[in-house]
Amino acid sequence: MTYYAHSIYKYNTDIEQYELSLIPGKVINPNGIVDQTKTEEEIMQQCYKLIDKCDALVFSSVDGVIGRGVAGEITHAFIRNKTVYYLHGNKLNKVKSIVIKPIW
């Protein structure tokens, strides 16, 4: 199984559907599974539990930028020794490490 980490701004959009179509196999999409009415910490704990059930994580960005939630999901996947891919354009690119810098 693969966890799909992406911006909440992509939820329920054609972009989300397109990106999902590019990820092979069974995909865990937090949209619709994770209760977004909880606190940020509770939301992320739900996401981390889903990531723990997966073999890999695929993440996408918005114009090359990822939010704090996606950054946390990627970090969690690396800590758990999951395979991580960056969905860029139409391709999945395997990522061995990532440098996360604040933009403010």
N, C-alpha and C. Protein backbone atom coordinates (compact mmCIF):
# COMPACT_ATOMS: atom_id res chain seq x y z
N MET A 1 0.85 -1.19 0.00
CA MET A 1 0.00 0.00 0.00
C MET A 1 0.89 1.25 0.00
N THR A 2 0.35 2.28 -0.58
CA THR A 2 1.06 3.55 -0.67
C THR A 2 0.20 4.67 -0.10
N TYR A 3 0.80 5.49 0.73
CA TYR A 3 0.12 6.65 1.31
C TYR A 3 0.35 7.84 0.38
N TYR A 4 -0.71 8.58 0.10
CA TYR A 4 -0.66 9.75 -0.78
C TYR A 4 -0.70 11.02 0.06
N ALA A 5 0.45 11.67 0.22
CA ALA A 5 0.56 12.91 1.00
C ALA A 5 0.45 14.09 0.05
N HIS A 6 -0.54 14.94 0.30
CA HIS A 6 -0.77 16.07 -0.59
C HIS A 6 -1.50 17.18 0.15
N SER A 7 -1.44 18.35 -0.42
CA SER A 7 -2.06 19.53 0.18
C SER A 7 -3.58 19.38 0.27
N ILE A 8 -4.12 19.86 1.35
CA ILE A 8 -5.57 19.86 1.52
C ILE A 8 -6.25 20.68 0.42
N TYR A 9 -5.51 21.60 -0.19
CA TYR A 9 -6.06 22.41 -1.27
C TYR A 9 -6.35 21.57 -2.52
N LYS A 10 -5.77 20.38 -2.59
CA LYS A 10 -6.03 19.48 -3.72
C LYS A 10 -7.20 18.54 -3.45
N TYR A 11 -7.67 18.49 -2.21
CA TYR A 11 -8.76 17.57 -1.87
C TYR A 11 -9.98 17.86 -2.75
N ASN A 12 -10.58 16.77 -3.26
CA ASN A 12 -11.81 16.83 -4.05
C ASN A 12 -11.68 17.68 -5.32
N THR A 13 -10.51 17.62 -5.93
CA THR A 13 -10.29 18.36 -7.18
C THR A 13 -9.90 17.38 -8.29
N ASP A 14 -9.93 17.87 -9.51
CA ASP A 14 -9.47 17.07 -10.65
C ASP A 14 -7.98 16.76 -10.51
N ILE A 15 -7.22 17.67 -9.93
CA ILE A 15 -5.78 17.43 -9.73
C ILE A 15 -5.57 16.22 -8.82
N GLU A 16 -6.34 16.16 -7.74
CA GLU A 16 -6.22 15.01 -6.83
C GLU A 16 -6.53 13.71 -7.58
N GLN A 17 -7.58 13.70 -8.35
CA GLN A 17 -7.95 12.50 -9.10
C GLN A 17 -6.87 12.11 -10.10
N TYR A 18 -6.31 13.10 -10.77
CA TYR A 18 -5.25 12.84 -11.74
C TYR A 18 -4.01 12.25 -11.04
N GLU A 19 -3.60 12.87 -9.95
CA GLU A 19 -2.43 12.36 -9.22
C GLU A 19 -2.68 10.95 -8.71
N LEU A 20 -3.86 10.69 -8.20
CA LEU A 20 -4.18 9.33 -7.75
C LEU A 20 -4.06 8.32 -8.89
N SER A 21 -4.42 8.73 -10.09
CA SER A 21 -4.35 7.82 -11.25
C SER A 21 -2.92 7.46 -11.62
N LEU A 22 -1.97 8.27 -11.19
CA LEU A 22 -0.56 8.02 -11.49
C LEU A 22 0.14 7.11 -10.48
N ILE A 23 -0.51 6.85 -9.36
CA ILE A 23 0.10 6.05 -8.30
C ILE A 23 -0.38 4.61 -8.46
N PRO A 24 0.55 3.68 -8.69
CA PRO A 24 0.14 2.29 -8.90
C PRO A 24 -0.25 1.59 -7.59
N GLY A 25 -1.07 0.56 -7.73
CA GLY A 25 -1.44 -0.27 -6.59
C GLY A 25 -2.49 0.37 -5.70
N LYS A 26 -2.63 -0.20 -4.51
CA LYS A 26 -3.61 0.29 -3.53
C LYS A 26 -3.07 1.55 -2.87
N VAL A 27 -3.88 2.60 -2.89
CA VAL A 27 -3.46 3.90 -2.36
C VAL A 27 -4.33 4.27 -1.17
N ILE A 28 -3.69 4.72 -0.11
CA ILE A 28 -4.38 5.27 1.05
C ILE A 28 -4.39 6.78 0.89
N ASN A 29 -5.56 7.35 0.69
CA ASN A 29 -5.73 8.79 0.55
C ASN A 29 -6.35 9.32 1.84
N PRO A 30 -5.65 10.20 2.55
CA PRO A 30 -6.21 10.71 3.81
C PRO A 30 -7.51 11.50 3.62
N ASN A 31 -7.74 12.01 2.43
CA ASN A 31 -8.98 12.72 2.14
C ASN A 31 -10.15 11.75 2.28
N GLY A 32 -11.02 12.05 3.21
CA GLY A 32 -12.18 11.19 3.45
C GLY A 32 -11.97 10.16 4.54
N ILE A 33 -10.71 9.93 4.92
CA ILE A 33 -10.40 8.96 5.98
C ILE A 33 -10.07 9.68 7.28
N VAL A 34 -9.29 10.76 7.17
CA VAL A 34 -8.83 11.49 8.34
C VAL A 34 -9.85 12.57 8.70
N ASP A 35 -10.25 12.59 9.95
CA ASP A 35 -11.24 13.56 10.44
C ASP A 35 -10.59 14.94 10.54
N GLN A 36 -10.94 15.82 9.63
CA GLN A 36 -10.34 17.16 9.57
C GLN A 36 -10.92 18.14 10.60
N THR A 37 -11.86 17.69 11.42
CA THR A 37 -12.43 18.57 12.44
C THR A 37 -11.64 18.52 13.75
N LYS A 38 -10.65 17.63 13.81
CA LYS A 38 -9.83 17.49 15.02
C LYS A 38 -8.76 18.57 15.07
N THR A 39 -7.98 18.57 16.14
CA THR A 39 -6.84 19.49 16.22
C THR A 39 -5.77 19.06 15.23
N GLU A 40 -4.86 19.97 14.92
CA GLU A 40 -3.79 19.65 13.98
C GLU A 40 -2.97 18.44 14.46
N GLU A 41 -2.68 18.40 15.74
CA GLU A 41 -1.92 17.28 16.31
C GLU A 41 -2.69 15.96 16.14
N GLU A 42 -3.99 15.97 16.42
CA GLU A 42 -4.79 14.76 16.27
C GLU A 42 -4.89 14.31 14.81
N ILE A 43 -5.01 15.29 13.91
CA ILE A 43 -5.05 14.98 12.48
C ILE A 43 -3.76 14.30 12.06
N MET A 44 -2.63 14.87 12.48
CA MET A 44 -1.34 14.30 12.08
C MET A 44 -1.13 12.92 12.69
N GLN A 45 -1.58 12.69 13.90
CA GLN A 45 -1.46 11.36 14.50
C GLN A 45 -2.24 10.33 13.70
N GLN A 46 -3.43 10.71 13.22
CA GLN A 46 -4.20 9.82 12.36
C GLN A 46 -3.43 9.50 11.08
N CYS A 47 -2.82 10.52 10.48
CA CYS A 47 -2.04 10.34 9.25
C CYS A 47 -0.85 9.42 9.50
N TYR A 48 -0.15 9.63 10.60
CA TYR A 48 1.03 8.81 10.91
C TYR A 48 0.64 7.33 11.07
N LYS A 49 -0.50 7.08 11.67
CA LYS A 49 -0.96 5.68 11.81
C LYS A 49 -1.23 5.06 10.46
N LEU A 50 -1.78 5.84 9.53
CA LEU A 50 -2.02 5.32 8.18
C LEU A 50 -0.70 5.06 7.46
N ILE A 51 0.26 5.97 7.61
CA ILE A 51 1.57 5.79 6.99
C ILE A 51 2.23 4.52 7.51
N ASP A 52 2.09 4.25 8.80
CA ASP A 52 2.69 3.06 9.40
C ASP A 52 2.18 1.76 8.76
N LYS A 53 0.97 1.79 8.20
CA LYS A 53 0.38 0.61 7.57
C LYS A 53 0.85 0.43 6.12
N CYS A 54 1.57 1.41 5.60
CA CYS A 54 1.95 1.40 4.19
C CYS A 54 3.42 1.02 4.00
N ASP A 55 3.72 0.62 2.78
CA ASP A 55 5.10 0.32 2.40
C ASP A 55 5.82 1.55 1.86
N ALA A 56 5.04 2.48 1.30
CA ALA A 56 5.63 3.64 0.65
C ALA A 56 4.75 4.87 0.85
N LEU A 57 5.35 6.02 0.56
CA LEU A 57 4.64 7.30 0.60
C LEU A 57 4.94 8.03 -0.69
N VAL A 58 3.90 8.56 -1.33
CA VAL A 58 4.05 9.43 -2.49
C VAL A 58 3.55 10.81 -2.07
N PHE A 59 4.36 11.85 -2.33
CA PHE A 59 3.91 13.20 -2.02
C PHE A 59 3.96 14.06 -3.26
N SER A 60 3.10 15.07 -3.26
CA SER A 60 3.10 16.06 -4.33
C SER A 60 3.19 17.44 -3.70
N SER A 61 3.50 18.41 -4.54
CA SER A 61 3.64 19.78 -4.06
C SER A 61 2.66 20.68 -4.80
N VAL A 62 2.60 21.92 -4.37
CA VAL A 62 1.86 22.96 -5.07
C VAL A 62 2.92 23.96 -5.52
N ASP A 63 3.20 23.97 -6.81
CA ASP A 63 4.25 24.84 -7.37
C ASP A 63 5.59 24.67 -6.65
N GLY A 64 5.93 23.42 -6.32
CA GLY A 64 7.21 23.13 -5.69
C GLY A 64 7.25 23.35 -4.19
N VAL A 65 6.12 23.70 -3.60
CA VAL A 65 6.05 23.98 -2.17
C VAL A 65 5.19 22.92 -1.48
N ILE A 66 5.65 22.45 -0.33
CA ILE A 66 4.84 21.55 0.49
C ILE A 66 4.54 22.24 1.81
N GLY A 67 3.40 21.93 2.35
CA GLY A 67 3.00 22.49 3.63
C GLY A 67 3.59 21.72 4.80
N ARG A 68 3.35 22.24 5.98
CA ARG A 68 3.86 21.63 7.20
C ARG A 68 3.35 20.21 7.40
N GLY A 69 2.09 19.97 7.09
CA GLY A 69 1.52 18.63 7.25
C GLY A 69 2.20 17.60 6.35
N VAL A 70 2.36 17.94 5.07
CA VAL A 70 3.03 17.03 4.14
C VAL A 70 4.48 16.83 4.57
N ALA A 71 5.14 17.89 5.01
CA ALA A 71 6.53 17.77 5.48
C ALA A 71 6.60 16.79 6.66
N GLY A 72 5.64 16.88 7.56
CA GLY A 72 5.60 15.96 8.70
C GLY A 72 5.37 14.52 8.26
N GLU A 73 4.51 14.34 7.26
CA GLU A 73 4.23 13.00 6.75
C GLU A 73 5.48 12.40 6.10
N ILE A 74 6.19 13.21 5.33
CA ILE A 74 7.43 12.75 4.69
C ILE A 74 8.46 12.37 5.75
N THR A 75 8.64 13.23 6.73
CA THR A 75 9.59 12.97 7.80
C THR A 75 9.24 11.68 8.53
N HIS A 76 7.97 11.50 8.83
CA HIS A 76 7.53 10.28 9.52
C HIS A 76 7.84 9.05 8.67
N ALA A 77 7.59 9.14 7.37
CA ALA A 77 7.86 8.01 6.48
C ALA A 77 9.35 7.67 6.48
N PHE A 78 10.21 8.68 6.42
CA PHE A 78 11.66 8.41 6.46
C PHE A 78 12.07 7.77 7.79
N ILE A 79 11.54 8.27 8.90
CA ILE A 79 11.86 7.70 10.22
C ILE A 79 11.46 6.23 10.28
N ARG A 80 10.36 5.89 9.63
CA ARG A 80 9.84 4.52 9.62
C ARG A 80 10.42 3.67 8.48
N ASN A 81 11.44 4.21 7.80
CA ASN A 81 12.12 3.50 6.70
C ASN A 81 11.18 3.10 5.56
N LYS A 82 10.25 3.96 5.25
CA LYS A 82 9.36 3.74 4.11
C LYS A 82 10.03 4.26 2.84
N THR A 83 9.67 3.70 1.71
CA THR A 83 10.12 4.23 0.43
C THR A 83 9.31 5.49 0.14
N VAL A 84 10.00 6.55 -0.28
CA VAL A 84 9.35 7.83 -0.51
C VAL A 84 9.55 8.25 -1.97
N TYR A 85 8.45 8.70 -2.59
CA TYR A 85 8.48 9.18 -3.96
C TYR A 85 7.89 10.58 -4.02
N TYR A 86 8.47 11.39 -4.90
CA TYR A 86 7.93 12.72 -5.19
C TYR A 86 7.20 12.64 -6.53
N LEU A 87 5.94 12.97 -6.53
CA LEU A 87 5.14 12.99 -7.75
C LEU A 87 5.32 14.36 -8.39
N HIS A 88 6.10 14.39 -9.45
CA HIS A 88 6.42 15.65 -10.13
C HIS A 88 6.09 15.49 -11.61
N GLY A 89 5.20 16.32 -12.10
CA GLY A 89 4.74 16.15 -13.47
C GLY A 89 3.95 14.86 -13.57
N ASN A 90 4.38 13.99 -14.44
CA ASN A 90 3.70 12.70 -14.62
C ASN A 90 4.53 11.54 -14.08
N LYS A 91 5.57 11.84 -13.32
CA LYS A 91 6.49 10.79 -12.90
C LYS A 91 6.64 10.70 -11.39
N LEU A 92 6.86 9.46 -10.94
CA LEU A 92 7.21 9.22 -9.54
C LEU A 92 8.73 9.16 -9.46
N ASN A 93 9.30 10.02 -8.66
CA ASN A 93 10.75 10.09 -8.49
C ASN A 93 11.10 9.64 -7.09
N LYS A 94 11.91 8.57 -6.98
CA LYS A 94 12.30 8.07 -5.67
C LYS A 94 13.19 9.09 -4.98
N VAL A 95 12.90 9.33 -3.70
CA VAL A 95 13.61 10.33 -2.91
C VAL A 95 14.34 9.61 -1.78
N LYS A 96 15.63 9.89 -1.63
CA LYS A 96 16.40 9.26 -0.56
C LYS A 96 16.51 10.16 0.65
N SER A 97 16.39 11.46 0.44
CA SER A 97 16.39 12.42 1.54
C SER A 97 15.74 13.71 1.03
N ILE A 98 15.44 14.56 1.94
CA ILE A 98 14.79 15.83 1.56
C ILE A 98 15.24 16.92 2.53
N VAL A 99 15.42 18.10 2.00
CA VAL A 99 15.75 19.26 2.82
C VAL A 99 14.51 20.14 2.85
N ILE A 100 14.01 20.38 4.04
CA ILE A 100 12.81 21.18 4.20
C ILE A 100 13.20 22.52 4.79
N LYS A 101 12.90 23.61 4.05
CA LYS A 101 13.23 24.95 4.51
C LYS A 101 11.97 25.79 4.61
N PRO A 102 11.81 26.52 5.69
CA PRO A 102 10.66 27.42 5.79
C PRO A 102 10.78 28.54 4.74
N ILE A 103 9.66 29.00 4.23
CA ILE A 103 9.69 30.04 3.22
C ILE A 103 9.31 31.42 3.76
N TRP A 104 9.10 31.52 5.04
CA TRP A 104 8.76 32.84 5.59
C TRP A 104 9.96 33.55 6.07
